Amino acid sequence: MKFDVVTVFPRMVEAGLTEGVVHRGIERGLVTARVHDLRDFTADRHRSVDDAPYGGGPGMVMKVEPVVRALRAIEADGGRPDAVVLLSPQGRRFSQAEARRLAGLSRVVLVCGRYEGIDERVRDVVATEEISIGDYVLSGGELAALVVVDAVSRNVPGVVGDEGSVEADSFSRGLLDYPHYTRPAEFEGREVPAVLLSGHHADVAVWRKREALARTLARRPDLLDAAELDADERRWLAEWGWTVSHETR
C-alpha cells in the first residue's frame, strides 16, 4: 500500500508516521508513505501556496497551480495513482467501509487543504474524490490525512500483527467493540465478569458478541440498521424491544 501526502506542513505529517502501527507497517515494507512539501511546487521566490479569494472575503485560498504541479510530478515519478483524495469538509464521510475500500487500492494520494479552502479547480483537474473525517473544523487536512493513513493501513494484511484484532475492532461489522479486561481480577470492588475467567471459550465468545450488541444499542443505536447482524443478534434485539430494517445475513 502506497500513500503520497501533499501538504504545506510536511513535518506535521512525518511526525505522525514515526510511531505505532503505521510505522511498523512501513518498517515491514507493507506500507509506503511519502510526504511532499507543496511549497516545492511553487514558481515564485516567496514559495506562495495561497492568495486572496476572488470576490472578496476573509482569509486566503490555496492556489491551483502548486497542487496540480505536485500531482503531476507524483504521477510522473510513480505512475497514475488509484485515487487522489482531497481532504475536505465537503467530502464524503470517512468510515470503516471507506478504509477497507481504500486498502484494496495500490496507491492513494492525499491532498491536505488549508486556510479558507482550496481553489475549486483542484477538484476539477486532479482530485478523484473528497473525504471528510467528521463534522467539525480543523486547521488543515494534515491530521485528517494521518487518520486516513492509520485506518487504511490497519486493513493491509500483516500491518497489525493479530488479524483477529482487526476483525474484532469497533465498526468492523458496524457494531461497537465489547468490553475488555485484564489483571487484576478485582479493582476497588469492581470484578471482571466471571465468564471471562471461566476458561469456556464458547461462553466467552457468546458473552462478547452479546455485550458488543448491547453496547451498540445503548451508545450508538443509529449503527444498527446498517450493521451485519446474525440470527442470534437479531433475536437478542427483539428480546430487548428493538427491531432493525434489514434482513438477517
Protein backbone atom coordinates (compact mmCIF):
# COMPACT_ATOMS: atom_id res chain seq x y z
CA MET A 1 0.00 0.00 0.00
CA LYS A 2 1.50 3.33 -1.09
CA PHE A 3 0.48 6.74 0.21
CA ASP A 4 1.58 10.14 -1.05
CA VAL A 5 0.62 13.09 1.16
CA VAL A 6 0.74 16.63 -0.24
CA THR A 7 0.89 19.28 2.47
CA VAL A 8 2.13 22.73 3.42
CA PHE A 9 3.37 21.30 6.74
CA PRO A 10 5.31 18.12 5.92
CA ARG A 11 6.92 17.79 9.36
CA MET A 12 3.47 17.63 10.94
CA VAL A 13 2.62 14.55 8.87
CA GLU A 14 6.07 12.97 9.12
CA ALA A 15 5.92 13.11 12.92
CA GLY A 16 2.73 11.07 12.91
CA LEU A 17 4.34 8.35 10.80
CA THR A 18 7.21 7.66 13.19
CA GLU A 19 5.30 5.68 15.83
CA GLY A 20 2.72 2.96 16.22
CA VAL A 21 1.06 0.57 13.81
CA VAL A 22 1.70 2.60 10.65
CA HIS A 23 5.40 2.92 11.45
CA ARG A 24 5.63 -0.86 11.94
CA GLY A 25 3.92 -1.35 8.60
CA ILE A 26 6.46 0.97 6.98
CA GLU A 27 9.37 -0.87 8.62
CA ARG A 28 8.00 -4.20 7.36
CA GLY A 29 7.70 -2.86 3.83
CA LEU A 30 3.94 -3.31 3.79
CA VAL A 31 3.16 0.42 3.69
CA THR A 32 4.98 3.24 1.93
CA ALA A 33 4.23 6.83 2.88
CA ARG A 34 5.89 9.73 1.08
CA VAL A 35 5.27 13.29 2.21
CA HIS A 36 5.55 16.09 -0.35
CA ASP A 37 6.03 19.75 0.61
CA LEU A 38 3.60 21.75 -1.52
CA ARG A 39 5.96 24.73 -1.44
CA ASP A 40 8.44 22.72 -3.52
CA PHE A 41 6.00 23.03 -6.42
CA THR A 42 5.59 26.81 -6.38
CA ALA A 43 7.05 29.09 -9.07
CA ASP A 44 7.73 32.35 -7.23
CA ARG A 45 10.59 33.30 -4.91
CA HIS A 46 8.25 33.57 -1.94
CA ARG A 47 7.05 29.97 -2.47
CA SER A 48 3.46 31.14 -2.21
CA VAL A 49 0.76 28.49 -1.98
CA ASP A 50 -2.21 30.80 -1.30
CA ASP A 51 -3.76 34.05 -2.48
CA ALA A 52 -6.71 36.33 -1.76
CA PRO A 53 -10.11 34.98 -2.88
CA TYR A 54 -11.82 36.32 -5.95
CA GLY A 55 -15.00 38.12 -4.92
CA GLY A 56 -13.51 39.22 -1.62
CA GLY A 57 -13.99 37.79 1.82
CA PRO A 58 -11.82 36.77 4.77
CA GLY A 59 -8.75 34.57 4.70
CA MET A 60 -6.73 33.10 1.86
CA VAL A 61 -7.37 30.33 -0.67
CA MET A 62 -4.91 27.64 -1.70
CA LYS A 63 -3.79 28.11 -5.29
CA VAL A 64 -4.49 25.56 -8.00
CA GLU A 65 -1.09 25.61 -9.76
CA PRO A 66 1.14 24.18 -6.99
CA VAL A 67 -1.30 21.36 -6.24
CA VAL A 68 -1.61 20.36 -9.89
CA ARG A 69 2.19 20.51 -10.33
CA ALA A 70 2.64 18.31 -7.26
CA LEU A 71 0.14 15.72 -8.50
CA ARG A 72 1.65 15.62 -11.98
CA ALA A 73 5.13 15.18 -10.50
CA ILE A 74 3.87 12.34 -8.31
CA GLU A 75 2.27 10.68 -11.34
CA ALA A 76 5.41 11.12 -13.43
CA ASP A 77 7.51 9.52 -10.68
CA GLY A 78 5.35 6.51 -9.84
CA GLY A 79 2.53 6.25 -12.33
CA ARG A 80 -1.11 7.24 -12.09
CA PRO A 81 -2.46 6.72 -8.55
CA ASP A 82 -5.64 4.75 -7.97
CA ALA A 83 -7.19 7.66 -6.09
CA VAL A 84 -6.41 11.32 -5.45
CA VAL A 85 -8.28 12.22 -2.28
CA LEU A 86 -8.92 15.81 -1.29
CA LEU A 87 -9.40 16.01 2.48
CA SER A 88 -12.23 18.47 2.80
CA PRO A 89 -15.29 19.27 4.96
CA GLN A 90 -17.35 18.92 1.78
CA GLY A 91 -16.25 15.32 1.30
CA ARG A 92 -17.99 12.01 1.86
CA ARG A 93 -17.89 10.90 5.50
CA PHE A 94 -14.95 8.59 6.22
CA SER A 95 -15.93 5.23 7.69
CA GLN A 96 -14.60 1.73 8.27
CA ALA A 97 -16.10 0.70 4.94
CA GLU A 98 -14.21 3.53 3.25
CA ALA A 99 -11.00 2.44 4.99
CA ARG A 100 -11.46 -1.09 3.67
CA ARG A 101 -12.17 0.18 0.16
CA LEU A 102 -9.03 2.31 0.07
CA ALA A 103 -6.99 -0.58 1.49
CA GLY A 104 -7.90 -2.52 -1.63
CA LEU A 105 -6.10 0.05 -3.79
CA SER A 106 -2.38 0.10 -4.52
CA ARG A 107 -1.61 3.81 -4.38
CA VAL A 108 -3.52 6.71 -2.84
CA VAL A 109 -2.62 10.41 -2.86
CA LEU A 110 -3.96 12.54 -0.02
CA VAL A 111 -4.12 16.31 -0.54
CA CYS A 112 -4.28 18.38 2.64
CA GLY A 113 -6.28 21.57 2.44
CA ARG A 114 -5.52 24.70 4.50
CA TYR A 115 -6.67 28.27 5.07
CA GLU A 116 -10.18 29.18 3.92
CA GLY A 117 -10.21 26.41 1.36
CA ILE A 118 -8.72 25.23 -1.89
CA ASP A 119 -9.30 26.53 -5.41
CA GLU A 120 -12.27 24.64 -6.85
CA ARG A 121 -10.29 23.77 -9.96
CA VAL A 122 -8.18 21.32 -7.94
CA ARG A 123 -11.33 19.19 -7.70
CA ASP A 124 -11.94 19.56 -11.41
CA VAL A 125 -8.41 18.84 -12.64
CA VAL A 126 -6.73 16.31 -10.32
CA ALA A 127 -8.89 15.12 -7.42
CA THR A 128 -10.87 11.92 -7.93
CA GLU A 129 -12.81 12.15 -4.65
CA GLU A 130 -13.23 14.09 -1.43
CA ILE A 131 -13.28 12.70 2.11
CA SER A 132 -14.20 14.29 5.43
CA ILE A 133 -13.33 12.66 8.76
CA GLY A 134 -16.16 14.41 10.61
CA ASP A 135 -18.41 17.41 11.02
CA TYR A 136 -16.04 19.74 12.85
CA VAL A 137 -13.40 22.29 11.93
CA LEU A 138 -9.68 21.52 11.80
CA SER A 139 -6.91 23.95 10.92
CA GLY A 140 -5.96 21.79 7.96
CA GLY A 141 -6.04 18.37 6.39
CA GLU A 142 -2.83 17.02 7.95
CA LEU A 143 -4.50 15.39 10.95
CA ALA A 144 -7.21 14.04 8.67
CA ALA A 145 -4.56 12.54 6.39
CA LEU A 146 -2.94 10.76 9.35
CA VAL A 147 -6.35 9.40 10.40
CA VAL A 148 -6.93 8.01 6.91
CA VAL A 149 -3.43 6.51 6.64
CA ASP A 150 -3.79 4.82 10.05
CA ALA A 151 -7.31 3.46 9.44
CA VAL A 152 -6.48 2.20 5.95
CA SER A 153 -3.13 0.68 6.95
CA ARG A 154 -4.78 -1.41 9.65
CA ASN A 155 -6.65 -3.20 6.88
CA VAL A 156 -3.50 -4.06 4.92
CA PRO A 157 -2.66 -7.72 5.67
CA GLY A 158 0.30 -8.07 8.01
CA VAL A 159 0.35 -4.49 9.31
CA VAL A 160 -1.48 -5.43 12.50
CA GLY A 161 0.20 -8.48 13.99
CA ASP A 162 -3.02 -10.18 15.11
CA GLU A 163 -5.54 -10.23 12.26
CA GLY A 164 -8.22 -11.21 14.76
CA SER A 165 -7.72 -7.86 16.43
CA VAL A 166 -8.69 -6.08 13.21
CA GLU A 167 -11.77 -8.26 12.76
CA ALA A 168 -12.89 -7.50 16.33
CA ASP A 169 -12.33 -3.73 16.12
CA SER A 170 -15.24 -1.39 16.67
CA PHE A 171 -17.17 -0.79 13.41
CA SER A 172 -15.67 -3.86 11.70
CA ARG A 173 -19.21 -5.28 11.39
CA GLY A 174 -20.93 -1.99 12.05
CA LEU A 175 -21.03 -2.58 15.83
CA LEU A 176 -19.06 -1.17 18.73
CA ASP A 177 -16.50 -3.40 20.42
CA TYR A 178 -17.22 -5.48 23.53
CA PRO A 179 -15.75 -4.50 26.95
CA HIS A 180 -12.14 -5.50 27.62
CA TYR A 181 -10.50 -6.51 30.92
CA THR A 182 -7.06 -7.58 32.13
CA ARG A 183 -5.36 -8.17 35.51
CA PRO A 184 -6.18 -7.66 38.33
CA ALA A 185 -9.42 -9.64 38.52
CA GLU A 186 -10.77 -7.21 41.14
CA PHE A 187 -10.12 -3.47 41.47
CA GLU A 188 -11.76 -1.22 44.08
CA GLY A 189 -14.69 -3.60 44.39
CA ARG A 190 -15.20 -3.96 40.63
CA GLU A 191 -14.74 -7.53 39.43
CA VAL A 192 -14.06 -8.90 35.99
CA PRO A 193 -17.15 -10.76 34.68
CA ALA A 194 -16.95 -14.37 35.81
CA VAL A 195 -17.44 -15.76 32.29
CA LEU A 196 -14.09 -14.27 31.23
CA LEU A 197 -12.35 -16.21 34.00
CA SER A 198 -14.17 -19.46 33.29
CA GLY A 199 -11.94 -20.81 30.53
CA HIS A 200 -15.02 -21.71 28.45
CA HIS A 201 -14.16 -20.18 25.11
CA ALA A 202 -17.59 -20.71 23.56
CA ASP A 203 -19.27 -18.97 26.50
CA VAL A 204 -16.77 -16.12 26.28
CA ALA A 205 -17.47 -15.71 22.56
CA VAL A 206 -21.23 -15.51 23.17
CA TRP A 207 -20.76 -13.03 26.04
CA ARG A 208 -18.57 -10.79 23.92
CA LYS A 209 -20.97 -10.87 20.99
CA ARG A 210 -23.93 -10.06 23.21
CA GLU A 211 -22.07 -7.28 25.05
CA ALA A 212 -20.95 -5.68 21.78
CA LEU A 213 -24.55 -5.62 20.62
CA ALA A 214 -25.82 -4.26 23.95
CA ARG A 215 -23.18 -1.54 23.97
CA THR A 216 -24.07 -0.51 20.42
CA LEU A 217 -27.75 -0.38 21.31
CA ALA A 218 -27.03 1.75 24.37
CA ARG A 219 -24.48 4.12 22.87
CA ARG A 220 -24.88 4.14 19.07
CA PRO A 221 -28.29 2.72 18.11
CA ASP A 222 -28.01 4.61 14.82
CA LEU A 223 -25.50 1.97 13.68
CA LEU A 224 -27.84 -0.98 13.99
CA ASP A 225 -29.82 -0.64 10.75
CA ALA A 226 -26.63 -0.89 8.67
CA ALA A 227 -24.81 -3.44 10.87
CA GLU A 228 -24.09 -7.02 9.79
CA LEU A 229 -26.30 -8.96 12.22
CA ASP A 230 -26.73 -12.71 12.51
CA ALA A 231 -29.82 -14.56 13.76
CA ASP A 232 -28.71 -14.54 17.40
CA GLU A 233 -28.13 -10.81 17.38
CA ARG A 234 -31.49 -10.12 15.79
CA ARG A 235 -33.17 -12.36 18.37
CA TRP A 236 -31.46 -10.53 21.24
CA LEU A 237 -32.51 -7.19 19.82
CA ALA A 238 -36.09 -8.42 19.55
CA GLU A 239 -35.95 -9.53 23.20
CA TRP A 240 -34.78 -6.03 24.10
CA GLY A 241 -37.64 -4.48 22.15
CA TRP A 242 -35.63 -3.26 19.16
CA THR A 243 -36.15 -4.11 15.51
CA VAL A 244 -33.89 -3.42 12.53
CA SER A 245 -34.93 -2.73 8.99
CA HIS A 246 -32.80 -5.19 7.01
CA GLU A 247 -32.87 -8.94 6.69
CA THR A 248 -30.65 -11.39 8.59
CA ARG A 249 -27.47 -12.17 6.69
